[in-house]
N, C-alpha and C. Protein backbone atom coordinates (compact mmCIF):
# COMPACT_ATOMS: atom_id res chain seq x y z
N VAL A 1 -15.17 -1.43 9.38
CA VAL A 1 -14.58 -2.46 10.42
C VAL A 1 -15.85 -3.06 10.92
N PHE A 2 -16.95 -2.78 10.72
CA PHE A 2 -18.20 -3.62 10.59
C PHE A 2 -18.13 -4.37 9.45
N ASN A 3 -18.18 -4.08 8.17
CA ASN A 3 -18.68 -4.29 7.16
C ASN A 3 -17.98 -5.44 6.69
N LEU A 4 -16.50 -5.31 7.25
CA LEU A 4 -15.39 -6.56 6.96
C LEU A 4 -15.56 -7.60 7.68
N GLY A 5 -16.09 -7.30 9.05
CA GLY A 5 -16.21 -8.35 9.79
C GLY A 5 -17.75 -9.28 9.72
N LYS A 6 -18.67 -8.54 9.26
CA LYS A 6 -19.47 -9.44 8.16
C LYS A 6 -19.51 -10.29 7.11
N LEU A 7 -18.57 -9.49 5.95
CA LEU A 7 -18.31 -10.05 5.52
C LEU A 7 -17.32 -10.74 5.63
N ILE A 8 -16.63 -11.01 6.66
CA ILE A 8 -15.35 -12.00 6.86
C ILE A 8 -16.83 -13.64 7.25
N LYS A 9 -17.16 -13.08 8.82
CA LYS A 9 -18.06 -14.11 9.07
C LYS A 9 -19.76 -13.61 9.12
N ASN A 10 -20.09 -13.41 9.67
CA ASN A 10 -21.35 -12.86 10.02
C ASN A 10 -21.78 -11.29 10.60
N GLU A 11 -22.80 -11.20 11.13
CA GLU A 11 -23.22 -9.61 11.67
C GLU A 11 -22.08 -9.68 13.14
N LYS A 12 -22.62 -10.89 14.07
CA LYS A 12 -21.73 -10.67 15.05
C LYS A 12 -20.88 -10.17 15.05
N VAL A 13 -19.99 -10.81 14.36
CA VAL A 13 -18.10 -10.67 14.66
C VAL A 13 -17.90 -9.19 14.03
N GLY A 14 -18.82 -8.53 12.85
CA GLY A 14 -18.68 -7.33 12.47
C GLY A 14 -19.11 -6.42 13.76
N LEU A 15 -20.16 -6.40 14.71
CA LEU A 15 -20.53 -5.90 15.80
C LEU A 15 -18.87 -5.64 16.39
N TYR A 16 -18.78 -7.20 17.17
CA TYR A 16 -17.74 -7.22 17.99
C TYR A 16 -16.50 -6.62 17.59
N ALA A 17 -16.12 -6.61 16.07
CA ALA A 17 -14.82 -6.05 15.99
C ALA A 17 -15.17 -4.34 15.75
N CYS A 18 -16.22 -3.93 15.56
CA CYS A 18 -16.41 -2.93 15.67
C CYS A 18 -16.49 -1.77 17.55
N PHE A 19 -16.92 -2.97 18.10
CA PHE A 19 -16.82 -2.63 18.89
C PHE A 19 -15.31 -2.67 19.72
N PHE A 20 -14.47 -3.36 19.64
CA PHE A 20 -13.19 -3.39 19.74
C PHE A 20 -12.45 -2.41 19.23
N VAL A 21 -13.14 -2.04 17.73
CA VAL A 21 -12.48 -0.91 17.43
C VAL A 21 -12.42 0.33 18.06
N ALA A 22 -13.28 0.51 18.48
CA ALA A 22 -14.12 1.91 19.32
C ALA A 22 -13.89 2.12 20.71
N THR A 23 -13.31 0.81 21.15
CA THR A 23 -12.84 1.13 22.60
C THR A 23 -11.39 0.90 22.48
N TYR A 24 -10.64 0.38 21.98
CA TYR A 24 -9.21 0.49 21.97
C TYR A 24 -8.24 1.41 22.06
N PRO A 25 -7.48 1.35 23.06
CA PRO A 25 -6.92 2.76 23.99
C PRO A 25 -6.64 3.96 23.13
N PHE A 26 -5.44 3.22 21.83
CA PHE A 26 -4.78 3.55 21.23
C PHE A 26 -5.34 4.45 20.20
N LEU A 27 -6.29 3.60 19.32
CA LEU A 27 -7.47 4.26 17.97
C LEU A 27 -8.04 5.23 18.97
N PHE A 28 -8.51 5.11 19.80
CA PHE A 28 -9.44 6.40 20.98
C PHE A 28 -8.32 7.75 20.89
N THR A 29 -7.49 7.76 21.52
CA THR A 29 -6.59 8.57 21.66
C THR A 29 -5.81 9.38 20.28
N LEU A 30 -5.57 8.03 19.22
CA LEU A 30 -4.99 9.20 17.96
C LEU A 30 -6.25 9.67 16.94
N SER A 31 -7.80 9.09 17.47
CA SER A 31 -8.82 10.02 16.99
C SER A 31 -9.05 11.47 17.45
N ARG A 32 -8.54 11.26 19.07
CA ARG A 32 -8.51 13.27 19.35
C ARG A 32 -7.39 14.04 18.97
N ILE A 33 -6.14 13.41 18.58
CA ILE A 33 -5.18 13.66 18.16
C ILE A 33 -4.82 13.61 17.03
N TYR A 34 -4.68 15.08 15.80
CA TYR A 34 -4.17 14.59 14.66
C TYR A 34 -2.94 13.95 14.58
N LEU A 35 -2.85 12.85 13.67
CA LEU A 35 -1.82 11.99 13.72
C LEU A 35 -2.15 11.25 12.04
N LEU A 36 -1.53 10.99 11.90
CA LEU A 36 -1.52 10.19 9.88
C LEU A 36 -2.06 8.31 10.46
N ASP A 37 -1.69 8.19 11.74
CA ASP A 37 -1.97 6.42 11.93
C ASP A 37 -4.03 6.68 11.97
N PHE A 38 -4.41 7.48 12.34
CA PHE A 38 -6.14 6.96 12.21
C PHE A 38 -6.63 7.28 11.24
N PRO A 39 -6.06 7.88 10.68
CA PRO A 39 -6.64 8.32 8.48
C PRO A 39 -5.80 6.83 8.15
N LEU A 40 -4.76 6.64 8.47
CA LEU A 40 -3.95 5.16 7.76
C LEU A 40 -4.79 3.75 8.18
N THR A 41 -5.44 3.79 9.28
CA THR A 41 -5.85 2.86 10.05
C THR A 41 -7.12 2.30 9.12
N ALA A 42 -7.89 3.58 8.88
CA ALA A 42 -8.81 3.53 8.53
C ALA A 42 -8.77 3.23 6.65
N MET A 43 -7.88 3.47 6.47
CA MET A 43 -7.51 3.33 4.23
C MET A 43 -7.09 1.70 4.48
N MET A 44 -6.74 1.61 5.89
CA MET A 44 -6.72 0.15 5.61
C MET A 44 -7.38 -0.90 5.93
N ALA A 45 -7.93 -0.68 6.52
CA ALA A 45 -9.84 -1.29 6.70
C ALA A 45 -10.80 -1.32 5.59
N LEU A 46 -10.64 0.24 4.90
CA LEU A 46 -11.35 -0.23 3.62
C LEU A 46 -10.71 -0.48 2.47
N SER A 47 -9.35 -0.39 2.65
CA SER A 47 -8.48 -1.02 1.19
C SER A 47 -9.13 -3.19 1.55
N MET A 48 -9.41 -3.34 3.09
CA MET A 48 -9.02 -4.43 3.03
C MET A 48 -10.57 -5.23 2.92
N TYR A 49 -11.28 -3.92 3.15
CA TYR A 49 -12.90 -4.07 2.86
C TYR A 49 -13.41 -4.62 1.27
N PHE A 50 -12.72 -3.84 0.64
CA PHE A 50 -12.78 -3.71 -1.04
C PHE A 50 -12.11 -4.92 -1.35
N LEU A 51 -10.87 -5.41 -1.00
CA LEU A 51 -9.77 -6.42 -1.67
C LEU A 51 -10.93 -7.84 -1.18
N MET A 52 -11.29 -7.91 0.08
CA MET A 52 -12.14 -9.18 0.20
C MET A 52 -13.35 -9.47 -0.34
N LEU A 53 -13.99 -8.18 -0.77
CA LEU A 53 -15.33 -8.25 -1.80
C LEU A 53 -14.93 -8.24 -3.59
N GLY A 54 -13.52 -7.95 -3.59
CA GLY A 54 -13.26 -8.25 -5.21
C GLY A 54 -13.24 -9.44 -4.99
N PHE A 55 -12.77 -10.55 -4.05
CA PHE A 55 -12.03 -11.53 -4.45
C PHE A 55 -13.44 -12.64 -3.81
N GLN A 56 -14.66 -11.97 -3.18
CA GLN A 56 -15.93 -12.81 -3.34
C GLN A 56 -17.13 -12.19 -4.17
N SER A 57 -16.97 -11.35 -5.09
CA SER A 57 -17.64 -11.41 -5.62
C SER A 57 -17.04 -11.29 -7.47
N LYS A 58 -18.25 -11.56 -8.53
CA LYS A 58 -17.50 -11.92 -9.87
C LYS A 58 -17.41 -10.26 -10.60
N THR A 59 -18.17 -9.08 -9.97
CA THR A 59 -17.11 -8.17 -10.72
C THR A 59 -16.01 -7.31 -9.98
N PRO A 60 -15.64 -6.98 -11.42
CA PRO A 60 -14.21 -6.34 -11.56
C PRO A 60 -14.58 -5.01 -10.41
N SER A 61 -15.81 -4.45 -10.35
CA SER A 61 -15.85 -3.04 -9.51
C SER A 61 -15.29 -3.10 -8.75
N TYR A 62 -15.19 -3.94 -7.76
CA TYR A 62 -14.42 -4.04 -6.37
C TYR A 62 -12.85 -3.56 -6.60
N PHE A 63 -12.44 -4.69 -7.79
CA PHE A 63 -10.77 -4.22 -7.50
C PHE A 63 -10.50 -3.31 -8.22
N ILE A 64 -11.52 -2.41 -8.55
CA ILE A 64 -10.97 -1.07 -9.13
C ILE A 64 -11.15 0.04 -8.15
N ILE A 65 -12.16 -0.05 -7.29
CA ILE A 65 -12.29 0.60 -6.19
C ILE A 65 -11.36 0.12 -4.71
N PHE A 66 -11.00 -1.15 -4.80
CA PHE A 66 -9.67 -1.39 -4.36
C PHE A 66 -8.24 -0.34 -4.48
N GLY A 67 -7.94 -0.74 -6.08
CA GLY A 67 -7.44 0.23 -6.45
C GLY A 67 -7.36 1.64 -6.39
N ILE A 68 -8.23 2.02 -6.54
CA ILE A 68 -8.08 3.66 -5.70
C ILE A 68 -7.36 3.63 -4.50
N VAL A 69 -8.58 2.74 -3.19
CA VAL A 69 -8.32 2.83 -2.20
C VAL A 69 -6.94 2.51 -1.91
N LEU A 70 -6.39 1.44 -2.65
CA LEU A 70 -4.87 1.42 -2.21
C LEU A 70 -4.14 2.80 -3.21
N GLY A 71 -4.14 3.51 -3.97
CA GLY A 71 -3.38 4.29 -4.16
C GLY A 71 -3.64 6.00 -3.37
N LEU A 72 -4.88 6.07 -2.87
CA LEU A 72 -4.95 6.93 -1.82
C LEU A 72 -4.66 6.88 -0.41
N GLY A 73 -4.85 5.43 0.20
CA GLY A 73 -4.21 4.91 1.20
C GLY A 73 -2.23 5.07 0.97
N LEU A 74 -2.13 4.67 -0.10
CA LEU A 74 -0.26 5.18 -0.23
C LEU A 74 0.01 6.63 0.09
N LEU A 75 -1.08 7.35 -0.14
CA LEU A 75 -0.97 8.95 0.03
C LEU A 75 -0.90 9.31 1.09
N THR A 76 -2.06 8.88 2.00
CA THR A 76 -2.04 9.33 3.43
C THR A 76 -1.06 8.99 3.89
N LYS A 77 -0.30 7.71 4.29
CA LYS A 77 1.19 7.67 4.24
C LYS A 77 1.54 6.39 4.52
N GLY A 78 3.53 7.20 3.60
CA GLY A 78 4.13 5.67 3.04
C GLY A 78 4.20 4.47 3.57
N ALA A 79 4.05 4.18 5.37
CA ALA A 79 3.95 3.12 5.76
C ALA A 79 2.59 2.36 4.94
N PHE A 80 2.05 2.60 4.45
CA PHE A 80 0.91 2.05 4.33
C PHE A 80 0.55 0.51 3.35
N ILE A 81 2.01 0.45 2.75
CA ILE A 81 2.67 -0.62 2.05
C ILE A 81 2.79 -1.56 2.88
N ILE A 82 3.42 -1.36 3.72
CA ILE A 82 4.30 -2.30 5.03
C ILE A 82 2.70 -3.29 5.60
N PHE A 83 1.90 -2.28 5.87
CA PHE A 83 0.55 -3.09 6.20
C PHE A 83 -0.53 -3.71 5.09
N ILE A 84 -0.24 -3.75 4.20
CA ILE A 84 -1.25 -4.23 2.61
C ILE A 84 -0.29 -5.29 2.41
N ILE A 85 0.70 -4.89 2.41
CA ILE A 85 1.81 -6.43 1.42
C ILE A 85 1.64 -7.89 2.08
N ALA A 86 0.82 -8.20 3.18
CA ALA A 86 0.91 -9.24 4.24
C ALA A 86 -0.28 -9.80 3.31
N PRO A 87 -1.49 -9.12 3.74
CA PRO A 87 -2.72 -9.63 2.87
C PRO A 87 -2.62 -9.82 1.55
N LEU A 88 -2.10 -8.89 0.70
CA LEU A 88 -1.53 -8.73 -0.90
C LEU A 88 -1.67 -10.62 -0.78
N VAL A 89 -0.17 -10.58 -0.55
CA VAL A 89 0.77 -11.89 -0.80
C VAL A 89 0.35 -13.00 -0.23
N TYR A 90 -0.81 -12.75 1.32
CA TYR A 90 -1.30 -14.10 1.22
C TYR A 90 -2.43 -14.66 -0.14
N LEU A 91 -3.24 -13.73 -0.29
CA LEU A 91 -4.51 -14.13 -1.22
C LEU A 91 -3.82 -14.00 -2.65
N LEU A 92 -2.26 -13.31 -3.22
CA LEU A 92 -2.13 -13.81 -4.33
C LEU A 92 -1.13 -15.19 -4.59
N LEU A 93 -0.69 -15.73 -2.93
CA LEU A 93 -0.73 -17.24 -2.94
C LEU A 93 -1.61 -18.12 -2.94
N LYS A 94 -2.99 -17.79 -2.28
CA LYS A 94 -4.06 -18.59 -2.42
C LYS A 94 -4.78 -18.46 -3.92
N ILE A 95 -4.68 -16.95 -4.67
CA ILE A 95 -4.62 -17.96 -6.06
C ILE A 95 -3.66 -19.34 -6.71
N PHE A 96 -2.52 -18.67 -6.99
CA PHE A 96 -2.05 -18.98 -7.92
C PHE A 96 -1.87 -20.59 -6.79
N ILE A 97 -2.01 -21.15 -5.41
CA ILE A 97 -2.40 -22.37 -5.91
C ILE A 97 -3.60 -22.98 -5.82
N ALA A 98 -4.41 -22.05 -5.73
CA ALA A 98 -5.72 -22.53 -6.17
C ALA A 98 -5.66 -23.24 -7.97
N PHE A 99 -4.60 -21.99 -8.80
CA PHE A 99 -4.70 -21.98 -9.95
C PHE A 99 -4.22 -23.20 -10.69
N GLY A 100 -5.28 -24.12 -11.05
CA GLY A 100 -5.25 -25.33 -11.91
C GLY A 100 -5.65 -26.53 -10.60
N LYS A 101 -5.69 -26.43 -9.76
CA LYS A 101 -6.46 -27.68 -9.42
C LYS A 101 -8.02 -27.94 -9.77
N ASP A 102 -8.47 -26.83 -10.14
CA ASP A 102 -9.85 -26.87 -10.75
C ASP A 102 -10.60 -26.23 -11.76
N VAL A 103 -10.43 -27.04 -12.92
CA VAL A 103 -11.05 -26.01 -13.70
C VAL A 103 -11.60 -25.49 -14.25
N LYS A 104 -12.83 -25.32 -13.50
CA LYS A 104 -14.09 -24.50 -13.17
C LYS A 104 -13.32 -23.01 -11.99
N ASP A 105 -12.43 -24.24 -11.03
CA ASP A 105 -12.13 -22.64 -10.39
C ASP A 105 -11.09 -21.68 -10.65
N SER A 106 -10.47 -22.48 -12.31
CA SER A 106 -9.08 -21.91 -12.79
C SER A 106 -9.59 -20.98 -13.29
N LYS A 107 -10.59 -20.53 -14.37
CA LYS A 107 -11.13 -18.74 -14.78
C LYS A 107 -11.32 -17.63 -13.48
N SER A 108 -12.04 -18.32 -12.66
CA SER A 108 -11.95 -17.53 -11.36
C SER A 108 -10.98 -16.61 -10.86
N SER A 109 -9.80 -17.42 -10.95
CA SER A 109 -8.36 -17.50 -9.83
C SER A 109 -7.90 -16.65 -10.96
N MET A 110 -8.22 -16.80 -12.49
CA MET A 110 -7.61 -15.72 -13.52
C MET A 110 -8.22 -14.50 -13.51
N ASP A 111 -9.50 -14.32 -13.30
CA ASP A 111 -9.81 -12.82 -13.36
C ASP A 111 -9.04 -12.52 -11.89
N ARG A 112 -9.46 -13.29 -10.86
CA ARG A 112 -8.57 -12.47 -9.57
C ARG A 112 -7.48 -12.06 -9.73
N LYS A 113 -6.85 -12.39 -10.52
CA LYS A 113 -5.49 -11.98 -10.66
C LYS A 113 -5.34 -11.16 -11.46
N LYS A 114 -6.09 -10.64 -12.87
CA LYS A 114 -6.21 -9.57 -13.67
C LYS A 114 -6.90 -8.72 -12.60
N GLY A 115 -7.99 -9.35 -11.87
CA GLY A 115 -8.19 -7.39 -10.64
C GLY A 115 -7.12 -7.13 -9.76
N ILE A 116 -6.86 -8.10 -9.54
CA ILE A 116 -5.41 -7.41 -8.48
C ILE A 116 -4.29 -7.03 -9.44
N ILE A 117 -3.82 -7.16 -10.34
CA ILE A 117 -2.40 -6.58 -11.04
C ILE A 117 -3.53 -5.37 -11.89
N PHE A 118 -4.98 -4.73 -12.24
CA PHE A 118 -5.49 -3.88 -12.72
C PHE A 118 -5.69 -2.98 -11.40
N SER A 119 -5.97 -3.16 -10.30
CA SER A 119 -5.65 -2.45 -9.13
C SER A 119 -4.08 -1.77 -8.66
N LEU A 120 -3.32 -2.93 -8.80
CA LEU A 120 -2.22 -2.50 -8.43
C LEU A 120 -1.30 -1.35 -9.67
N LEU A 121 -2.39 -1.69 -10.64
CA LEU A 121 -1.76 -0.56 -12.07
C LEU A 121 -2.03 0.58 -11.23
N ILE A 122 -3.59 0.40 -11.06
CA ILE A 122 -4.35 1.96 -10.66
C ILE A 122 -3.66 2.38 -9.53
N ALA A 123 -3.61 1.95 -8.62
CA ALA A 123 -2.77 2.27 -7.16
C ALA A 123 -1.79 3.30 -7.56
N PHE A 124 -0.40 2.58 -8.65
CA PHE A 124 0.82 2.77 -9.08
C PHE A 124 0.53 4.88 -9.42
N ILE A 125 -0.55 4.08 -10.89
CA ILE A 125 -0.53 5.62 -11.24
C ILE A 125 -1.11 6.73 -10.40
N ILE A 126 -1.88 6.46 -9.11
CA ILE A 126 -2.66 7.44 -8.22
C ILE A 126 -1.43 7.41 -7.61
N GLY A 127 -0.35 6.84 -6.94
CA GLY A 127 0.91 6.91 -6.35
C GLY A 127 2.01 8.30 -6.97
N ILE A 128 2.08 7.54 -8.33
CA ILE A 128 3.03 7.94 -8.94
C ILE A 128 3.23 9.58 -8.99
N LEU A 129 1.79 9.84 -9.00
CA LEU A 129 1.31 11.20 -8.67
C LEU A 129 2.30 11.98 -8.14
N TYR A 130 2.23 11.80 -6.87
CA TYR A 130 2.75 12.51 -5.75
C TYR A 130 4.66 11.99 -5.62
N TYR A 131 4.62 10.57 -5.68
CA TYR A 131 5.56 10.07 -5.58
C TYR A 131 7.26 10.48 -6.43
N GLY A 132 6.84 11.02 -7.70
CA GLY A 132 7.08 11.02 -8.81
C GLY A 132 7.82 12.03 -8.91
N PHE A 133 6.91 13.02 -8.24
CA PHE A 133 8.01 14.27 -7.53
C PHE A 133 8.66 13.97 -6.55
N ILE A 134 8.52 13.76 -5.32
CA ILE A 134 9.39 12.98 -3.83
C ILE A 134 10.73 12.89 -4.79
N PHE A 135 10.75 11.49 -5.72
CA PHE A 135 11.49 10.99 -6.11
C PHE A 135 12.64 12.09 -7.00
N LYS A 136 11.97 12.66 -8.00
CA LYS A 136 12.67 13.56 -8.23
C LYS A 136 13.61 14.75 -7.79
N GLY A 137 13.09 15.14 -6.90
CA GLY A 137 13.15 15.96 -5.69
C GLY A 137 14.41 15.16 -5.21
N PHE A 138 14.18 13.76 -4.86
CA PHE A 138 15.31 13.49 -3.98
C PHE A 138 16.59 13.32 -4.98
N ILE A 139 16.38 13.17 -6.24
CA ILE A 139 17.43 13.29 -7.40
C ILE A 139 18.34 14.35 -7.78
N ASP A 140 17.23 15.44 -7.17
CA ASP A 140 17.92 16.77 -7.60
C ASP A 140 18.93 16.85 -6.41
N PHE A 141 18.24 16.95 -4.85
CA PHE A 141 19.21 16.57 -3.84
C PHE A 141 20.52 16.27 -4.18
N LEU A 142 20.62 14.45 -4.94
CA LEU A 142 21.82 14.39 -4.81
C LEU A 142 22.91 15.11 -5.68
N ARG A 143 22.27 15.22 -6.63
CA ARG A 143 23.14 15.99 -7.43
C ARG A 143 23.51 17.12 -6.57
N TRP A 144 22.76 17.93 -6.51
CA TRP A 144 23.74 18.98 -5.43
C TRP A 144 24.77 18.95 -4.53
N VAL A 145 24.36 17.89 -4.10
CA VAL A 145 25.26 17.23 -2.89
C VAL A 145 26.38 16.84 -3.61
N MET A 146 26.42 16.21 -4.49
CA MET A 146 27.70 15.97 -5.33
C MET A 146 28.61 16.70 -6.21
N ILE A 147 27.47 17.59 -6.40
CA ILE A 147 28.36 19.37 -6.71
C ILE A 147 29.00 19.89 -6.06
N HIS A 148 28.09 20.13 -4.80
CA HIS A 148 28.59 21.67 -3.75
C HIS A 148 29.13 20.78 -2.31
N THR A 149 29.36 20.00 -2.72
CA THR A 149 30.16 19.68 -1.00
C THR A 149 31.60 19.46 -1.12
N HIS A 150 31.64 19.22 -2.06
CA HIS A 150 33.37 19.23 -2.20
C HIS A 150 34.07 20.94 -2.20
N LEU A 151 32.90 21.90 -2.71
CA LEU A 151 33.47 23.33 -2.67
C LEU A 151 33.74 23.81 -1.42
N ASN A 152 32.60 23.11 -0.34
CA ASN A 152 32.56 23.90 0.96
C ASN A 152 33.84 22.89 1.90
N GLU A 153 34.24 22.48 1.64
CA GLU A 153 35.08 21.43 2.15
C GLU A 153 36.72 21.23 1.26
N ARG A 154 36.56 21.68 0.51
CA ARG A 154 37.92 21.59 -0.48
C ARG A 154 38.23 20.23 -0.71
N ASP A 155 37.33 19.32 -1.09
CA ASP A 155 37.64 18.20 -1.23
C ASP A 155 37.57 17.90 -2.92
N PRO A 156 37.75 16.83 -3.10
CA PRO A 156 38.06 16.32 -4.65
C PRO A 156 36.13 16.46 -4.95
N TYR A 157 35.76 16.12 -6.35
CA TYR A 157 34.66 15.88 -7.08
C TYR A 157 34.46 14.72 -6.18
N LEU A 158 32.88 14.18 -6.18
CA LEU A 158 32.84 12.86 -5.92
C LEU A 158 32.52 11.86 -7.39
N ASN A 159 32.96 12.31 -8.29
CA ASN A 159 32.72 11.22 -9.52
C ASN A 159 33.94 11.32 -10.48
N THR A 160 34.85 11.83 -9.46
CA THR A 160 36.25 11.74 -10.05
C THR A 160 37.02 10.50 -9.24
N PHE A 161 38.03 10.00 -9.57
CA PHE A 161 38.71 8.98 -9.58
C PHE A 161 40.19 9.33 -8.08
N GLU A 162 39.80 11.00 -7.99
CA GLU A 162 40.27 11.24 -7.11
C GLU A 162 39.48 10.97 -5.37
N GLY A 163 38.52 11.44 -6.03
CA GLY A 163 37.50 11.79 -5.09
C GLY A 163 36.85 10.38 -4.42
N TRP A 164 36.89 9.00 -5.74
CA TRP A 164 36.77 7.69 -4.83
C TRP A 164 38.00 7.76 -3.96
N ILE A 165 38.82 7.90 -4.37
CA ILE A 165 40.35 7.39 -3.51
C ILE A 165 40.24 8.13 -2.01
N TYR A 166 40.01 9.17 -2.34
CA TYR A 166 39.89 9.81 -1.08
C TYR A 166 38.40 9.67 -0.01
N TYR A 167 37.39 9.74 -0.47
CA TYR A 167 36.17 9.16 0.15
C TYR A 167 36.37 7.92 0.70
N VAL A 168 36.45 6.50 -0.16
CA VAL A 168 37.07 5.56 0.43
C VAL A 168 37.84 5.48 1.49
């Protein structure tokens, strides 16, 4: 949090941000009880830091690190996507608005677009390793329900015309 505040403004803002996070009652409580909200907050701060570094620097390595942290944040808790979507949309809109205004700036905004797309691809690859298995299990469960539900209740098959009429 300190580095994020320092990156946005200066060291004084970083110290204030660090103080507020350290003394915030909800985060203090969550640091004593193991729930996934505290690691989610840490992953969110880390991903925002590398996202800001990627936008302010010229090297694509920060976007690669951002993609890895984004993927790990998705593995930490699924709600991570809710918190990261707003900053991503804001920065993408900022890139698209800046694109074409200045010829010199359009190359850097194109590099930033490529960096964001590459980082999202890395996050997708990391996230699909887990969520792909979860989705497969969900589909298998739906198949099981379609096949076995009618047997217990003596109703028609769900995927037949009689089943559709019965369930509608």
